[in-house]
Protein backbone atom coordinates (compact mmCIF):
# COMPACT_ATOMS: atom_id res chain seq x y z
CA MET A 1 -63.59 -26.26 -59.86
CA LYS A 2 -67.07 -24.81 -60.15
CA PHE A 3 -70.15 -26.71 -58.88
CA GLY A 4 -73.69 -26.65 -60.45
CA ILE A 5 -76.57 -28.39 -58.92
CA LEU A 6 -79.80 -30.11 -60.39
CA PRO A 7 -82.92 -30.32 -58.33
CA PRO A 8 -84.43 -33.83 -57.76
CA TYR A 9 -86.80 -34.05 -60.72
CA ARG A 10 -87.99 -37.53 -59.82
CA ALA A 11 -89.16 -36.38 -56.49
CA GLY A 12 -91.72 -34.09 -58.06
CA VAL A 13 -90.76 -30.91 -56.49
CA THR A 14 -89.80 -28.67 -59.43
CA THR A 15 -93.29 -27.05 -59.72
CA ASP A 16 -93.44 -26.37 -55.92
CA ALA A 17 -92.49 -22.75 -55.80
CA ARG A 18 -91.66 -22.59 -52.14
CA TRP A 19 -89.57 -25.79 -52.22
CA MET A 20 -87.61 -24.62 -55.36
CA THR A 21 -87.05 -21.07 -53.75
CA ALA A 22 -85.66 -22.56 -50.66
CA PHE A 23 -83.47 -25.04 -52.53
CA VAL A 24 -81.93 -22.50 -54.96
CA GLN A 25 -81.39 -19.90 -52.28
CA HIS A 26 -79.61 -22.42 -50.11
CA ALA A 27 -77.45 -23.43 -53.15
CA GLU A 28 -76.56 -19.89 -53.74
CA ALA A 29 -75.64 -19.29 -50.00
CA LEU A 30 -73.41 -22.43 -50.04
CA GLY A 31 -71.36 -21.21 -53.09
CA PHE A 32 -72.81 -23.35 -55.85
CA GLU A 33 -72.12 -21.52 -59.11
CA SER A 34 -75.08 -22.65 -61.05
CA VAL A 35 -78.48 -24.25 -61.00
CA TYR A 36 -79.39 -26.60 -63.87
CA VAL A 37 -82.94 -27.55 -65.15
CA VAL A 38 -83.95 -30.01 -67.88
CA GLU A 39 -86.46 -30.16 -70.68
CA HIS A 40 -88.80 -32.57 -72.10
CA VAL A 41 -91.80 -30.96 -73.83
CA VAL A 42 -93.72 -34.25 -73.74
CA VAL A 43 -93.00 -37.84 -72.84
CA VAL A 44 -94.64 -40.25 -75.20
CA SER A 45 -96.12 -43.21 -73.27
CA GLY A 46 -94.55 -46.53 -74.31
CA TYR A 47 -91.67 -44.80 -76.21
CA ALA A 48 -89.45 -47.24 -78.12
CA GLU A 49 -86.49 -45.23 -78.44
CA ARG A 50 -83.65 -46.44 -76.13
CA TYR A 51 -82.48 -43.97 -73.48
CA PRO A 52 -78.63 -44.05 -74.06
CA TYR A 53 -77.44 -43.23 -70.46
CA ALA A 54 -78.91 -46.37 -68.67
CA SER A 55 -78.47 -49.95 -69.26
CA SER A 56 -82.26 -50.43 -69.02
CA GLY A 57 -82.78 -48.16 -72.09
CA ARG A 58 -85.40 -46.16 -70.04
CA MET A 59 -84.82 -42.78 -68.64
CA PRO A 60 -84.81 -42.58 -64.78
CA LEU A 61 -87.88 -40.31 -64.64
CA PRO A 62 -91.46 -41.73 -64.65
CA ASP A 63 -93.45 -40.93 -67.77
CA ASP A 64 -95.76 -38.63 -65.66
CA CYS A 65 -93.07 -36.73 -63.90
CA GLU A 66 -93.59 -33.03 -63.68
CA ILE A 67 -90.98 -31.34 -66.05
CA PRO A 68 -91.82 -27.61 -66.21
CA ASP A 69 -90.81 -25.40 -69.07
CA PRO A 70 -87.03 -24.77 -68.20
CA LEU A 71 -87.00 -21.05 -69.30
CA GLU A 72 -90.17 -20.30 -67.36
CA LEU A 73 -88.53 -22.03 -64.35
CA LEU A 74 -85.26 -20.19 -64.76
CA ALA A 75 -87.13 -16.87 -64.98
CA TYR A 76 -88.82 -17.66 -61.63
CA LEU A 77 -85.60 -18.67 -59.99
CA ALA A 78 -83.91 -15.51 -61.38
CA ALA A 79 -86.36 -13.44 -59.34
CA VAL A 80 -85.53 -15.15 -56.07
CA THR A 81 -81.63 -15.13 -56.35
CA GLU A 82 -78.94 -12.69 -56.98
CA ARG A 83 -75.78 -14.44 -58.16
CA ILE A 84 -76.33 -18.06 -59.10
CA VAL A 85 -76.03 -18.82 -62.84
CA LEU A 86 -79.28 -20.17 -64.50
CA ALA A 87 -78.47 -22.94 -66.70
CA THR A 88 -80.31 -25.64 -68.85
CA GLY A 89 -78.91 -29.17 -68.86
CA MET A 90 -80.30 -29.95 -71.41
CA LEU A 91 -82.70 -27.99 -73.72
CA VAL A 92 -83.90 -30.18 -76.48
CA MET A 93 -82.87 -27.76 -79.21
CA PRO A 94 -84.70 -29.14 -82.37
CA HIS A 95 -88.15 -28.26 -80.63
CA HIS A 96 -87.34 -24.54 -80.90
CA HIS A 97 -87.39 -21.77 -83.53
CA PRO A 98 -84.20 -19.70 -83.35
CA LEU A 99 -85.88 -16.33 -83.39
CA VAL A 100 -88.31 -17.18 -80.65
CA LEU A 101 -85.57 -18.92 -78.42
CA ALA A 102 -83.14 -16.14 -79.09
CA LYS A 103 -85.80 -13.56 -77.79
CA ARG A 104 -86.62 -15.60 -74.63
CA LEU A 105 -83.06 -16.22 -73.73
CA ALA A 106 -82.08 -12.46 -74.26
CA THR A 107 -84.92 -11.35 -72.17
CA LEU A 108 -83.90 -13.75 -69.39
CA ASP A 109 -80.37 -12.77 -69.69
CA VAL A 110 -81.14 -8.88 -69.34
CA LEU A 111 -83.64 -9.50 -66.47
CA SER A 112 -81.20 -11.70 -64.51
CA GLY A 113 -78.20 -9.48 -65.00
CA GLY A 114 -76.36 -11.74 -67.45
CA ARG A 115 -76.66 -14.96 -65.60
CA VAL A 116 -77.95 -17.41 -68.29
CA ARG A 117 -76.06 -20.36 -69.69
CA LEU A 118 -77.76 -22.56 -72.31
CA GLY A 119 -76.92 -26.28 -72.43
CA VAL A 120 -78.45 -27.95 -75.51
CA GLY A 121 -78.82 -31.47 -76.90
CA VAL A 122 -80.28 -32.78 -80.11
CA GLY A 123 -82.77 -35.12 -78.20
CA TRP A 124 -82.84 -38.86 -77.89
CA MET A 125 -86.55 -39.63 -77.85
CA GLU A 126 -87.67 -39.98 -81.41
CA GLU A 127 -91.39 -39.91 -80.45
CA GLU A 128 -90.99 -36.64 -78.42
CA LEU A 129 -89.49 -34.87 -81.50
CA GLN A 130 -92.07 -36.36 -83.96
CA ALA A 131 -94.86 -35.08 -81.65
CA THR A 132 -93.70 -31.50 -82.17
CA GLY A 133 -93.21 -32.01 -85.98
CA VAL A 134 -89.45 -32.50 -85.97
CA ASP A 135 -87.68 -35.03 -88.21
CA PHE A 136 -85.52 -37.22 -85.93
CA ALA A 137 -82.87 -37.85 -88.64
CA SER A 138 -82.15 -34.08 -89.23
CA ARG A 139 -82.22 -33.03 -85.56
CA GLY A 140 -78.39 -32.44 -85.55
CA ARG A 141 -78.33 -30.40 -88.56
CA ARG A 142 -81.36 -28.36 -87.42
CA THR A 143 -79.56 -27.91 -83.87
CA ASP A 144 -76.53 -26.43 -85.71
CA GLU A 145 -78.79 -23.90 -87.72
CA ILE A 146 -80.55 -22.80 -84.60
CA ILE A 147 -77.26 -22.04 -82.77
CA ASP A 148 -75.93 -20.20 -85.82
CA ALA A 149 -79.17 -18.28 -86.38
CA MET A 150 -79.48 -17.23 -82.66
CA ARG A 151 -75.98 -15.93 -82.62
CA VAL A 152 -76.65 -13.90 -85.76
CA THR A 153 -79.76 -12.43 -84.06
CA TRP A 154 -77.83 -11.59 -81.01
CA ARG A 155 -74.80 -10.09 -82.79
CA GLU A 156 -76.28 -7.86 -85.42
CA ASP A 157 -78.64 -4.96 -85.21
CA GLU A 158 -80.54 -6.03 -88.22
CA SER A 159 -79.98 -9.74 -89.19
CA THR A 160 -80.60 -11.97 -92.12
CA TYR A 161 -80.13 -15.69 -92.14
CA VAL A 162 -80.62 -18.33 -94.84
CA GLY A 163 -80.36 -21.91 -93.94
CA ARG A 164 -82.00 -25.22 -94.86
CA PHE A 165 -84.55 -25.19 -92.07
CA PHE A 166 -84.75 -21.54 -91.07
CA GLU A 167 -84.76 -18.36 -93.08
CA PHE A 168 -85.40 -14.59 -92.09
CA SER A 169 -84.32 -11.38 -93.55
CA ARG A 170 -83.71 -7.87 -92.06
CA VAL A 171 -85.15 -8.80 -88.59
CA ARG A 172 -84.56 -6.69 -85.49
CA SER A 173 -84.62 -8.41 -82.16
CA TYR A 174 -84.23 -6.55 -78.86
CA PRO A 175 -83.14 -6.66 -76.10
CA LYS A 176 -79.76 -8.17 -76.82
CA PRO A 177 -78.21 -10.37 -74.08
CA VAL A 178 -76.12 -8.68 -71.48
CA GLN A 179 -73.27 -11.18 -71.81
CA VAL A 180 -70.70 -10.27 -74.52
CA GLY A 181 -71.15 -12.59 -77.52
CA GLY A 182 -74.62 -13.61 -76.40
CA VAL A 183 -75.74 -16.33 -73.97
CA PRO A 184 -72.99 -19.08 -73.64
CA ILE A 185 -73.91 -22.29 -75.42
CA HIS A 186 -72.80 -25.71 -73.99
CA ILE A 187 -73.24 -28.90 -76.00
CA GLY A 188 -74.48 -32.02 -74.27
CA GLY A 189 -74.21 -35.51 -75.58
CA HIS A 190 -71.96 -38.57 -75.34
CA SER A 191 -71.18 -39.16 -79.10
CA GLU A 192 -68.24 -38.05 -81.29
CA VAL A 193 -70.70 -35.92 -83.20
CA ALA A 194 -71.56 -33.97 -80.07
CA ALA A 195 -67.87 -33.59 -79.15
CA ARG A 196 -67.17 -32.10 -82.64
CA ARG A 197 -70.27 -29.90 -82.38
CA ALA A 198 -68.88 -28.49 -79.19
CA GLY A 199 -65.42 -27.99 -80.89
CA ARG A 200 -67.14 -26.27 -83.77
CA LEU A 201 -69.81 -24.22 -82.17
CA GLY A 202 -69.91 -24.70 -78.26
CA ASP A 203 -68.63 -22.48 -75.44
CA GLY A 204 -68.66 -25.73 -73.52
CA PHE A 205 -69.15 -29.53 -73.58
CA GLN A 206 -71.21 -31.55 -71.16
CA PRO A 207 -71.00 -35.31 -71.80
CA LEU A 208 -72.93 -37.93 -69.98
CA GLY A 209 -72.07 -41.68 -69.21
CA LEU A 210 -68.40 -41.71 -70.56
CA ASP A 211 -65.64 -43.56 -68.93
CA PRO A 212 -62.23 -41.78 -68.82
CA ASP A 213 -60.91 -43.43 -71.97
CA ALA A 214 -64.09 -42.65 -73.89
CA LEU A 215 -64.15 -39.12 -72.56
CA GLY A 216 -60.42 -38.74 -73.65
CA GLN A 217 -61.32 -39.82 -77.11
CA ARG A 218 -64.17 -37.16 -77.17
CA MET A 219 -61.90 -34.52 -75.90
CA ALA A 220 -59.40 -35.33 -78.53
CA ALA A 221 -62.17 -34.88 -81.25
CA LEU A 222 -63.33 -31.65 -79.69
CA ARG A 223 -59.81 -30.06 -79.61
CA ALA A 224 -59.18 -31.26 -83.27
CA THR A 225 -62.45 -29.80 -84.57
CA ALA A 226 -61.90 -26.50 -82.64
CA GLU A 227 -58.40 -26.12 -84.17
CA GLU A 228 -59.78 -27.07 -87.54
CA TYR A 229 -62.23 -24.13 -87.31
CA GLY A 230 -59.67 -21.65 -85.93
CA ARG A 231 -60.93 -21.77 -82.34
CA ASP A 232 -58.91 -22.00 -79.22
CA PRO A 233 -59.95 -25.37 -77.53
CA ASP A 234 -58.69 -24.34 -74.15
CA VAL A 235 -61.61 -21.83 -73.85
CA ILE A 236 -64.24 -24.52 -74.23
CA GLU A 237 -65.40 -25.53 -70.79
CA LEU A 238 -65.84 -29.09 -69.87
CA SER A 239 -68.60 -29.95 -67.31
CA LEU A 240 -68.77 -33.40 -65.74
CA GLY A 241 -71.40 -34.92 -63.33
CA GLY A 242 -71.61 -36.38 -59.91
CA HIS A 243 -74.05 -37.00 -56.98
CA VAL A 244 -74.37 -34.82 -53.96
CA THR A 245 -73.83 -37.67 -51.55
CA GLN A 246 -70.99 -39.39 -53.40
CA VAL A 247 -68.53 -36.77 -54.69
CA ASP A 248 -65.49 -36.09 -52.55
CA ARG A 249 -62.17 -34.42 -53.00
CA ALA A 250 -60.89 -37.46 -54.86
CA ALA A 251 -63.68 -37.27 -57.26
CA VAL A 252 -63.09 -33.67 -57.88
CA GLU A 253 -59.43 -34.11 -58.40
CA GLN A 254 -60.17 -36.94 -61.03
CA ALA A 255 -62.61 -34.62 -62.78
CA ARG A 256 -60.01 -31.89 -62.87
CA SER A 257 -57.36 -34.33 -64.22
CA LEU A 258 -59.71 -35.08 -67.11
CA GLY A 259 -59.95 -31.41 -67.87
CA ALA A 260 -63.11 -30.36 -66.27
CA GLN A 261 -63.83 -26.90 -64.99
CA ARG A 262 -67.21 -27.66 -63.59
CA MET A 263 -69.11 -30.55 -61.93
CA VAL A 264 -72.98 -30.65 -62.11
CA ILE A 265 -74.22 -32.23 -58.93
CA SER A 266 -77.49 -34.32 -58.97
CA THR A 267 -79.69 -34.69 -56.13
CA ALA A 268 -82.55 -37.13 -55.16
CA SER A 269 -84.31 -36.32 -51.77
CA ALA A 270 -87.71 -34.83 -51.75
CA ASP A 271 -87.40 -33.90 -48.15
CA LEU A 272 -85.94 -30.42 -48.16
CA ASP A 273 -84.36 -30.60 -44.72
CA THR A 274 -82.54 -33.88 -45.64
CA LEU A 275 -81.38 -32.36 -48.92
CA ARG A 276 -80.16 -29.15 -47.37
CA GLY A 277 -78.15 -31.34 -44.87
CA GLU A 278 -76.62 -33.25 -47.74
CA MET A 279 -75.88 -29.87 -49.51
CA ASP A 280 -74.28 -28.65 -46.42
CA GLU A 281 -72.19 -31.59 -46.10
CA PHE A 282 -71.07 -31.51 -49.75
CA ALA A 283 -69.99 -27.80 -49.23
CA ARG A 284 -67.89 -28.75 -46.21
CA ARG A 285 -66.48 -31.74 -47.87
CA VAL A 286 -65.83 -30.22 -51.34
CA ILE A 287 -66.39 -26.62 -51.74
CA GLY A 288 -64.56 -25.64 -48.52
């Protein structure tokens, strides 16, 4: 089992360079495989769209929470680390143009020595996507095209792509990612559509808020879709979640029994000494 870790966004520390440096360097020293960061370009005050992962329908972050650009933050963290994988969980894919995003990710992958992993979602907050000019109803199809177009750009010396939302001809984009096949793309989401997208296009699947029965149904959909498209479902990684103070060996074994290769561990404390103590205890309890 591999372990990723999320900084405590709600604590307002992710734009504190010294705090984040100490946090990520400690995670790397303890053997965490990856660090995860999130994206909201904007939060629209008084949003009506329901957050799907909490019974309240509201996301657990305050509307004025500092949420820095994830790729800029990962670039900073790349410069102060050596081994830890730099991951998004999740990038709101429909906000982005595939050529611009492909260049940013390839640059980060090269400069970090091939340490980037891209977790993507279609976005749940309709008002946020509307604010950047994205049609909420087409966000899934747009996401599929962005993934396809980026991979074409990374794979080919001179690339052409014609889709419904994006089109370009004979473009050259360098540098290419260090990782063979390009930056790995993991699909986030809790729906059957997300699971099927992971089976069709993803290198991994990172669902949220699913009980074991629902997860089993999603994984069955993922595997069936992968096989339908001639892909090996066993190479698609599953990442599940947990909290730094709650995950024990039993929780790890349960995640493993559900097919997970990774757990992404959330944190809460703004006090760095307290959090480092919780991370130390987690490492003793679980990582070994």
